[in-house]
Each structure stands twice: as structure tokens, then as C-alpha cells.
């Protein structure tokens, strides 16, 4: 007999499971609340369920999170957990506390197949996708582990302490490319948003992608949440080298899809992430190219400039602070909202691009990613064409 892990099931799937047990569908909502709001892993704790149902569940279901391998705490309050996902693989999850929010960075894959030059995870290669249960288990563990640590009551959305969320924001920015694990991702997102579960706002759940264009379009229709796109270059030639997925989905196609996504997005802008790499993508001229690129595309956006977190295999260096400041000023003077991401968790390798975990690589990443230094491709003519196209589009609109 197959035993179902109920962390794998969103509320609709849980209702089907209850019907298979000969129970009414409303039992699924009760179960869902016990699991996700109260953090229960033992059916005997579920006091408002009939004993006959609890007995059925004990034989047919389980609530099984991933084994915790380690926990590391940074001097700045950041916490990193390493979870065992079997077969020699492990994934990392990071909690980032701030005065006005608590953000959980969740992994979606054991490794990553995209192979971005500046990402430690990509250099480890790829083993497999995580299941829906393994994705949501990171939130389930973190929320209730931290609530117990802080002596907060179970979050039942009522009574004392109900508004004291530990985790207010979730970002799918951990190990892996979320949109290459779409079938498992979407049910997990729905569980995060479900008012009977974690009740997070669509504005507070962010999927970060390197630019899987068809899946961005599907996410817009299936479960539109906040979107962050790893841009990292102002032209196709450089982005082809930094983000190999660009060879399949170049900038023009990516930006057109981003603009379409905004028609259903919970925010009125797309966040473009931009890792600052010394001598590669950090010149003022490249900042001006970015301005021309987004102006021509018509995408409402903000830029999040990310100080690179160096690791030996990358062969890349972090941009100097004064270079980052100058790049930022060019963007802001050009009328684009831009910020510099505050680096957190450096001392425990928990900052952006550093998550590594343990990956039994099936993709020969080490050989694939041993390449010549990144070549900076100047694209002045392309920029001029983009500016011209943008002006023509604005004139046409005005007429």
C-alpha cells in the first residue's frame, strides 16, 4: 500500500485524497490547516478530526519533511539550513530577518542545469528536480521551527499572535531554476498563497528565473506572483556567455514576455537582477545600454544590483564599491528605479549565488564550465538601434 506524504498535496489534491478515504471534501481544509498553520506532523494531535479518520490517516498517510543535516547562523542574524534530499544530494534554504520582514529563500532543484557563470550552484551541476513536498517542506520547517524558537503560538490566523508572522516573504531564489521544475513549483506556490495555509500575498512571493520564456508565459496564467528576472547583461552577446539560456531565449523575446506578464502580475513592475562583475558588465556605458534596452522594450521595471560573491571556479571578481555606485547613479539619473542589494550571510556562504549544498551531478558541469574568460562585447550599434526603435515607438504612440 502506498503511503502518501501530505506535504506533497495542495488543498485541491488533499480533497481528492480525502474522498478516496471515503471522507467529505471539507476534511481536506481541516487537515490543511493542521499541517500548514499549526505545523502538526502527528495525526493524534488533530483533535477536531474524528478518531476513525485519524486511524485511516495513520495507515495511509504521513507528514514527512526532509531530514535536517545542519544549521548555520550568521553574525547578521541570517540562518542557513542544509536538508538531505537523498541519494547523496542536499539543498540549502536561507532565512533573512529584517526589521520589517522575514524572508525565506527556497531551493527548487538539487543543483541547476542553467550554468550561469557567476553562480556557485550552477558550477556544481544538476541532479534532479525537487518535489512539491520538498519545496513546501522548506517553508513548513522554517516557519514552525522559528515560531517554536521565538515562543510564538501556532499561526491559526486568529487570536493572540496571529498577525506575528515569522516569514512574511518567500523568494524562489535558492538552488535551481524554478521554472524548469514547473509542475512541482505551481502547487507549492498555491500552498504558500492559500489562506488556509500560509496566507502569503502574491506580492510577497517571488519567483526568480534566468529567463525560461515559455514558463514565464504559463506562470502568468496559472499562478501570477512577483517576478524577478536574472538579466546581468545589456546585450545578447555578453548574456549568452553569462547566462547560457539566453542562446535559446534572447533578450528581445524575454523582455516581450516580461511585458506581457505584467498584465496579470501582482506588482506593476518586473525586478531585473544584475550581478555586478568587475570589468565585465559594470561600466557606465553598459548602464546606459541597459537604459536603452528597457526603454525600447517598454517593460516597467526596477533594477536590483547584486554585489558578486566570488568563488574560485568562476574566474570572476566583485565590482568595486565606487563602480557599483557610479553604475547605480547612471540608472537612477536615467529615470529607472535601482537599488543595491544588501549582502547578508557572507560569513556562512548564504549570500546570493553562494548556495551549493551537495549535488550528485549528472550533467558534467565541471568540464562544461571550464571556459575561457568572459569576453565583453561592445554593442554600440545595437544600442543605437534600440534607442531609435524606442523613440519611434513613442512617436507612434503620441500620434
Protein backbone atom coordinates (compact mmCIF):
# COMPACT_ATOMS: atom_id res chain seq x y z
CA UNK A 1 0.00 0.00 0.00
CA UNK A 2 1.31 3.43 -0.97
CA UNK A 3 1.62 5.89 1.89
CA UNK A 4 1.01 9.50 0.80
CA UNK A 5 3.15 12.34 2.12
CA UNK A 6 0.55 15.06 2.69
CA UNK A 7 3.16 17.81 2.24
CA UNK A 8 3.02 16.93 -1.47
CA UNK A 9 -0.68 17.85 -1.78
CA UNK A 10 -2.22 21.28 -2.22
CA UNK A 11 -5.75 21.70 -0.87
CA UNK A 12 -7.48 20.51 -4.04
CA UNK A 13 -5.30 17.39 -4.20
CA UNK A 14 -5.87 16.83 -0.49
CA UNK A 15 -9.64 16.96 -1.08
CA UNK A 16 -9.33 14.21 -3.69
CA UNK A 17 -7.26 12.16 -1.22
CA UNK A 18 -9.94 12.57 1.47
CA UNK A 19 -12.63 11.40 -0.95
CA UNK A 20 -10.54 8.31 -1.69
CA UNK A 21 -10.65 7.60 2.04
CA UNK A 22 -14.45 7.88 1.97
CA UNK A 23 -14.42 11.28 3.68
CA UNK A 24 -16.08 14.59 2.84
CA UNK A 25 -14.01 17.14 0.94
CA UNK A 26 -14.20 19.68 3.78
CA UNK A 27 -11.94 17.42 5.82
CA UNK A 28 -9.16 18.48 3.49
CA UNK A 29 -9.39 22.07 4.76
CA UNK A 30 -9.18 20.89 8.36
CA UNK A 31 -6.17 18.73 7.55
CA UNK A 32 -4.52 21.50 5.57
CA UNK A 33 -4.84 23.92 8.50
CA UNK A 34 -3.37 21.43 10.95
CA UNK A 35 -0.40 20.76 8.71
CA UNK A 36 0.47 24.23 7.44
CA UNK A 37 -0.93 26.68 10.00
CA UNK A 38 -0.21 24.63 13.12
CA UNK A 39 2.79 22.64 11.95
CA UNK A 40 1.34 19.30 13.07
CA UNK A 41 3.14 16.16 11.96
CA UNK A 42 1.23 13.74 14.18
CA UNK A 43 -2.37 12.84 13.33
CA UNK A 44 -3.16 12.18 17.00
CA UNK A 45 -2.73 15.92 17.62
CA UNK A 46 -5.58 16.77 15.26
CA UNK A 47 -8.23 16.97 17.93
CA UNK A 48 -11.17 18.12 15.78
CA UNK A 49 -10.89 15.13 13.42
CA UNK A 50 -12.93 12.01 14.13
CA UNK A 51 -10.88 9.15 15.58
CA UNK A 52 -11.95 6.97 12.66
CA UNK A 53 -10.38 9.45 10.22
CA UNK A 54 -7.21 9.73 12.29
CA UNK A 55 -6.94 5.95 12.23
CA UNK A 56 -7.33 5.92 8.45
CA UNK A 57 -4.68 8.60 8.07
CA UNK A 58 -2.25 6.74 10.30
CA UNK A 59 -2.31 3.82 7.87
CA UNK A 60 -2.44 5.69 4.58
CA UNK A 61 -0.57 8.96 5.05
CA UNK A 62 2.38 10.68 6.62
CA UNK A 63 3.66 14.24 7.08
CA UNK A 64 7.33 13.89 6.31
CA UNK A 65 9.75 16.78 5.97
CA UNK A 66 13.33 16.45 4.76
CA UNK A 67 15.98 15.40 7.29
CA UNK A 68 17.96 18.38 8.58
CA UNK A 69 21.71 17.96 8.17
CA UNK A 70 22.94 21.24 9.62
CA UNK A 71 22.05 24.76 10.69
CA UNK A 72 24.39 27.75 10.49
CA UNK A 73 23.73 31.20 11.93
CA UNK A 74 25.41 34.32 10.61
CA UNK A 75 26.58 37.24 12.74
CA UNK A 76 23.90 39.35 10.99
CA UNK A 77 21.06 37.01 12.01
CA UNK A 78 20.79 35.12 8.73
CA UNK A 79 20.20 31.36 9.17
CA UNK A 80 21.09 28.68 6.64
CA UNK A 81 19.76 25.12 6.76
CA UNK A 82 21.07 22.14 4.80
CA UNK A 83 18.46 19.44 4.05
CA UNK A 84 19.05 15.87 2.89
CA UNK A 85 17.03 15.04 -0.24
CA UNK A 86 18.50 11.58 -0.69
CA UNK A 87 20.94 9.79 -3.00
CA UNK A 88 23.82 11.97 -1.86
CA UNK A 89 22.05 15.25 -2.62
CA UNK A 90 21.36 18.11 -0.22
CA UNK A 91 19.80 21.54 -0.70
CA UNK A 92 20.13 24.80 1.18
CA UNK A 93 17.45 27.17 2.49
CA UNK A 94 18.13 30.62 3.92
CA UNK A 95 16.13 32.79 6.35
CA UNK A 96 16.91 36.53 6.28
CA UNK A 97 15.43 38.54 9.18
CA UNK A 98 14.96 42.28 8.85
CA UNK A 99 13.19 44.89 10.97
CA UNK A 100 10.05 44.90 8.83
CA UNK A 101 10.04 41.41 7.31
CA UNK A 102 11.34 37.88 7.41
CA UNK A 103 12.33 36.46 4.02
CA UNK A 104 12.83 32.77 3.26
CA UNK A 105 14.93 31.85 0.23
CA UNK A 106 13.81 28.43 -1.06
CA UNK A 107 15.51 25.93 -3.38
CA UNK A 108 13.65 24.21 -6.23
CA UNK A 109 16.26 21.76 -7.56
CA UNK A 110 19.24 19.74 -6.37
CA UNK A 111 21.74 21.73 -8.39
CA UNK A 112 20.96 23.70 -11.52
CA UNK A 113 21.28 22.93 -15.22
CA UNK A 114 21.38 26.55 -16.47
CA UNK A 115 25.08 27.02 -15.70
CA UNK A 116 25.33 30.77 -15.08
CA UNK A 117 28.99 31.80 -14.84
CA UNK A 118 28.65 33.71 -11.55
CA UNK A 119 26.56 31.16 -9.61
CA UNK A 120 28.13 28.60 -7.29
CA UNK A 121 25.14 26.26 -7.61
CA UNK A 122 25.48 26.12 -11.40
CA UNK A 123 29.12 25.07 -11.14
CA UNK A 124 28.04 22.03 -9.12
CA UNK A 125 25.85 20.74 -11.93
CA UNK A 126 22.39 19.22 -11.73
CA UNK A 127 20.98 16.06 -10.16
CA UNK A 128 17.17 16.32 -10.05
CA UNK A 129 14.08 18.43 -9.51
CA UNK A 130 12.64 18.71 -6.03
CA UNK A 131 9.09 17.50 -5.49
CA UNK A 132 6.27 19.82 -4.41
CA UNK A 133 6.59 18.39 -0.90
CA UNK A 134 10.33 19.07 -0.79
CA UNK A 135 9.76 22.67 -1.90
CA UNK A 136 7.00 23.40 0.61
CA UNK A 137 8.77 21.44 3.38
CA UNK A 138 11.41 24.19 3.48
CA UNK A 139 8.73 26.75 4.37
CA UNK A 140 6.90 24.30 6.69
CA UNK A 141 10.09 23.58 8.63
CA UNK A 142 11.34 27.16 8.80
CA UNK A 143 8.03 28.74 9.83
CA UNK A 144 7.28 26.33 12.66
CA UNK A 145 10.88 25.83 13.78
CA UNK A 146 11.29 29.59 14.15
CA UNK A 147 7.92 30.01 15.86
CA UNK A 148 8.94 27.47 18.50
CA UNK A 149 12.32 29.16 18.89
CA UNK A 150 10.66 32.55 19.39
CA UNK A 151 7.94 31.09 21.65
CA UNK A 152 5.18 32.27 19.35
CA UNK A 153 1.81 30.45 19.23
CA UNK A 154 0.86 28.35 16.22
CA UNK A 155 -0.34 30.64 13.44
CA UNK A 156 -4.05 29.91 13.29
CA UNK A 157 -4.96 33.27 11.71
CA UNK A 158 -6.96 34.12 14.83
CA UNK A 159 -6.36 35.09 18.43
CA UNK A 160 -3.20 36.37 20.08
CA UNK A 161 -0.11 36.23 17.94
CA UNK A 162 -1.99 35.53 14.72
CA UNK A 163 -0.52 38.56 12.97
CA UNK A 164 3.04 37.87 14.14
CA UNK A 165 4.27 36.08 11.07
CA UNK A 166 7.81 34.84 11.22
CA UNK A 167 8.11 34.50 7.45
CA UNK A 168 6.42 37.34 5.59
CA UNK A 169 8.11 36.89 2.21
CA UNK A 170 9.20 33.89 0.15
CA UNK A 171 11.65 34.12 -2.72
CA UNK A 172 12.30 31.19 -5.05
CA UNK A 173 15.95 32.20 -5.36
CA UNK A 174 17.74 29.24 -3.80
CA UNK A 175 19.36 26.36 -5.64
CA UNK A 176 17.93 25.67 -9.09
CA UNK A 177 15.87 27.30 -11.83
CA UNK A 178 12.27 27.23 -10.53
CA UNK A 179 10.64 27.42 -13.95
CA UNK A 180 12.48 24.30 -15.09
CA UNK A 181 10.58 22.49 -12.31
CA UNK A 182 7.23 23.98 -13.18
CA UNK A 183 4.96 21.01 -12.38
CA UNK A 184 6.19 20.88 -8.78
CA UNK A 185 6.54 24.64 -8.36
CA UNK A 186 2.97 25.77 -9.06
CA UNK A 187 1.23 23.57 -6.43
CA UNK A 188 3.83 24.72 -3.88
CA UNK A 189 3.11 28.37 -4.74
CA UNK A 190 -0.61 27.77 -4.33
CA UNK A 191 0.00 26.32 -0.87
CA UNK A 192 2.01 29.41 0.09
CA UNK A 193 -0.84 31.66 -1.07
CA UNK A 194 -3.71 29.61 0.39
CA UNK A 195 -5.45 31.43 3.26
CA UNK A 196 -5.89 28.08 5.00
CA UNK A 197 -2.13 27.54 4.76
CA UNK A 198 0.46 30.31 4.89
CA UNK A 199 -1.79 33.07 3.51
CA UNK A 200 1.01 34.96 1.81
CA UNK A 201 0.21 37.78 -0.59
CA UNK A 202 1.07 37.30 -4.27
CA UNK A 203 3.17 40.44 -3.93
CA UNK A 204 5.24 38.75 -1.23
CA UNK A 205 6.02 35.56 -3.13
CA UNK A 206 8.68 35.99 -5.81
CA UNK A 207 9.82 33.56 -8.47
CA UNK A 208 13.29 34.32 -9.78
CA UNK A 209 14.15 32.99 -13.22
CA UNK A 210 17.08 33.12 -15.60
CA UNK A 211 14.56 33.57 -18.41
CA UNK A 212 12.60 30.43 -19.28
CA UNK A 213 10.28 32.30 -21.63
CA UNK A 214 7.51 29.71 -22.22
CA UNK A 215 7.16 29.06 -18.48
CA UNK A 216 7.01 32.77 -17.66
CA UNK A 217 4.03 32.96 -20.00
CA UNK A 218 2.41 29.93 -18.34
CA UNK A 219 3.01 31.28 -14.83
CA UNK A 220 1.19 34.47 -15.81
CA UNK A 221 -1.96 32.44 -16.42
CA UNK A 222 -1.57 29.68 -13.80
CA UNK A 223 -0.31 31.47 -10.69
CA UNK A 224 0.95 35.02 -11.22
CA UNK A 225 3.23 36.08 -8.39
CA UNK A 226 6.00 38.68 -8.25
CA UNK A 227 8.64 38.02 -10.91
CA UNK A 228 12.39 38.61 -10.80
CA UNK A 229 14.50 38.02 -13.89
CA UNK A 230 18.26 37.43 -13.82
CA UNK A 231 19.38 39.86 -16.51
CA UNK A 232 23.10 40.52 -15.82
CA UNK A 233 23.95 41.92 -19.25
CA UNK A 234 22.70 44.68 -21.57
CA UNK A 235 23.21 42.74 -24.82
CA UNK A 236 22.81 39.23 -26.17
CA UNK A 237 26.50 38.58 -26.85
CA UNK A 238 27.53 39.08 -23.23
CA UNK A 239 24.42 37.46 -21.78
CA UNK A 240 24.99 34.38 -23.96
CA UNK A 241 28.24 33.91 -22.06
CA UNK A 242 26.99 34.77 -18.57
CA UNK A 243 23.54 33.13 -18.79
CA UNK A 244 23.67 30.33 -21.40
CA UNK A 245 19.87 30.09 -21.51
CA UNK A 246 19.95 33.38 -23.43
CA UNK A 247 21.06 31.47 -26.53
CA UNK A 248 17.63 29.82 -26.56
CA UNK A 249 15.58 32.79 -25.34
CA UNK A 250 17.36 36.04 -26.32
CA UNK A 251 16.71 39.40 -24.74
CA UNK A 252 14.07 40.66 -27.19
CA UNK A 253 11.94 37.57 -26.64
CA UNK A 254 12.49 37.62 -22.88
CA UNK A 255 11.58 41.28 -22.49
CA UNK A 256 8.46 40.94 -24.64
CA UNK A 257 7.31 38.09 -22.40
CA UNK A 258 8.05 40.15 -19.28
CA UNK A 259 5.89 42.97 -20.63
CA UNK A 260 3.06 40.51 -21.26
CA UNK A 261 3.47 39.05 -17.75
CA UNK A 262 2.79 42.47 -16.25
CA UNK A 263 -0.81 42.39 -17.48
CA UNK A 264 -1.61 39.90 -14.68
CA UNK A 265 1.26 40.43 -12.25
CA UNK A 266 0.54 41.48 -8.64
CA UNK A 267 3.13 44.23 -8.95
CA UNK A 268 3.33 46.83 -11.69
CA UNK A 269 7.00 46.15 -12.39
CA UNK A 270 9.44 43.34 -13.07
CA UNK A 271 12.58 43.17 -10.94
CA UNK A 272 15.72 42.76 -13.03
CA UNK A 273 18.58 41.26 -11.06
CA UNK A 274 22.03 42.33 -12.13
CA UNK A 275 25.16 40.76 -10.65
CA UNK A 276 28.00 43.29 -10.67
CA UNK A 277 31.13 41.71 -12.20
CA UNK A 278 34.35 43.72 -12.29
CA UNK A 279 35.38 44.66 -15.81
CA UNK A 280 32.67 42.50 -17.36
CA UNK A 281 29.26 44.22 -17.06
CA UNK A 282 29.81 47.17 -14.74
CA UNK A 283 30.80 50.14 -16.92
CA UNK A 284 28.80 53.34 -17.16
CA UNK A 285 28.43 52.67 -20.89
CA UNK A 286 26.78 49.35 -20.12
CA UNK A 287 24.45 51.06 -17.67
CA UNK A 288 23.39 53.38 -20.46
CA UNK A 289 22.88 50.35 -22.71
CA UNK A 290 20.54 48.91 -20.08
CA UNK A 291 18.55 52.14 -20.05
CA UNK A 292 18.19 51.97 -23.81
CA UNK A 293 17.25 48.29 -23.66
CA UNK A 294 14.39 48.70 -21.18
CA UNK A 295 13.18 51.93 -22.81
CA UNK A 296 12.89 50.15 -26.15
CA UNK A 297 11.12 47.16 -24.58
CA UNK A 298 8.52 49.21 -22.70
CA UNK A 299 8.86 46.98 -19.62
CA UNK A 300 8.13 48.72 -16.32
CA UNK A 301 10.98 47.59 -14.11
CA UNK A 302 13.33 48.14 -11.22
CA UNK A 303 16.96 47.03 -11.07
CA UNK A 304 18.44 45.19 -8.12
CA UNK A 305 22.22 45.41 -8.35
CA UNK A 306 23.86 42.44 -6.63
CA UNK A 307 27.46 42.55 -5.40
CA UNK A 308 29.09 39.39 -6.74
CA UNK A 309 30.08 36.80 -4.14
CA UNK A 310 33.35 35.39 -5.51
CA UNK A 311 34.23 31.70 -5.61
CA UNK A 312 37.40 30.29 -7.22
CA UNK A 313 35.80 28.33 -10.08
CA UNK A 314 34.11 31.39 -11.55
CA UNK A 315 37.25 33.29 -12.53
CA UNK A 316 35.26 36.49 -11.83
CA UNK A 317 35.71 39.36 -9.38
CA UNK A 318 33.33 41.63 -7.47
CA UNK A 319 32.94 45.17 -8.80
CA UNK A 320 34.49 47.84 -6.62
CA UNK A 321 32.05 49.79 -4.47
CA UNK A 322 32.71 53.03 -6.34
CA UNK A 323 31.99 51.28 -9.64
CA UNK A 324 28.69 49.95 -8.30
CA UNK A 325 27.79 53.43 -7.05
CA UNK A 326 28.56 55.01 -10.42
CA UNK A 327 26.56 52.34 -12.29
CA UNK A 328 23.64 52.87 -9.90
CA UNK A 329 23.74 56.63 -10.44
CA UNK A 330 23.57 56.25 -14.23
CA UNK A 331 20.45 54.10 -13.93
CA UNK A 332 18.79 56.42 -11.43
CA UNK A 333 19.64 59.54 -13.45
CA UNK A 334 18.06 57.77 -16.43
CA UNK A 335 14.76 57.55 -14.58
CA UNK A 336 14.91 53.87 -13.59
CA UNK A 337 14.35 52.70 -10.03
CA UNK A 338 17.51 50.92 -8.92
CA UNK A 339 18.88 49.66 -5.61
CA UNK A 340 21.91 47.74 -4.41
CA UNK A 341 21.10 44.50 -2.61
CA UNK A 342 22.45 44.42 0.90
CA UNK A 343 24.79 41.45 1.29
CA UNK A 344 23.64 39.09 4.03
CA UNK A 345 25.07 35.86 5.38
CA UNK A 346 28.53 36.22 3.81
CA UNK A 347 30.23 34.53 6.75
CA UNK A 348 28.19 31.33 6.29
CA UNK A 349 28.17 31.34 2.47
CA UNK A 350 24.47 32.17 2.44
CA UNK A 351 24.56 35.24 0.20
CA UNK A 352 23.17 35.45 -3.31
CA UNK A 353 24.81 32.99 -5.70
CA UNK A 354 26.67 31.14 -2.95
CA UNK A 355 24.26 28.28 -2.19
CA UNK A 356 25.91 24.99 -3.01
CA UNK A 357 24.60 22.15 -0.85
CA UNK A 358 25.62 18.74 -2.20
CA UNK A 359 24.89 17.67 -5.76
CA UNK A 360 25.50 14.34 -7.47
CA UNK A 361 26.00 15.95 -10.87
CA UNK A 362 24.52 14.22 -13.92
CA UNK A 363 25.46 16.98 -16.35
CA UNK A 364 29.28 17.07 -16.40
CA UNK A 365 29.18 20.66 -15.23
CA UNK A 366 32.85 20.92 -14.25
CA UNK A 367 34.00 20.20 -17.80
CA UNK A 368 31.29 22.30 -19.42
CA UNK A 369 32.00 25.36 -17.29
CA UNK A 370 35.79 25.34 -17.63
CA UNK A 371 35.86 28.02 -20.29
CA UNK A 372 37.92 30.95 -21.44
CA UNK A 373 37.48 34.26 -19.59
CA UNK A 374 34.27 36.15 -20.28
CA UNK A 375 34.55 38.38 -23.33
CA UNK A 376 32.96 41.80 -23.08
CA UNK A 377 31.18 42.51 -26.35
CA UNK A 378 30.62 46.16 -27.17
CA UNK A 379 27.32 46.71 -28.91
CA UNK A 380 27.07 50.40 -29.62
CA UNK A 381 25.22 49.95 -32.90
CA UNK A 382 22.70 47.66 -31.28
CA UNK A 383 22.12 50.21 -28.55
CA UNK A 384 21.66 52.98 -31.09
CA UNK A 385 19.09 50.86 -32.90
CA UNK A 386 17.27 50.18 -29.62
CA UNK A 387 17.18 53.88 -28.79
CA UNK A 388 15.92 54.67 -32.27
CA UNK A 389 13.25 51.98 -32.04
CA UNK A 390 12.18 53.27 -28.64
CA UNK A 391 11.84 56.83 -29.95
CA UNK A 392 9.91 55.64 -32.98
CA UNK A 393 7.54 53.70 -30.76
CA UNK A 394 6.93 56.70 -28.53
CA UNK A 395 6.29 58.96 -31.54
CA UNK A 396 3.83 56.44 -32.96
CA UNK A 397 2.00 56.27 -29.62
CA UNK A 398 1.86 60.05 -29.40
CA UNK A 399 0.28 60.26 -32.84
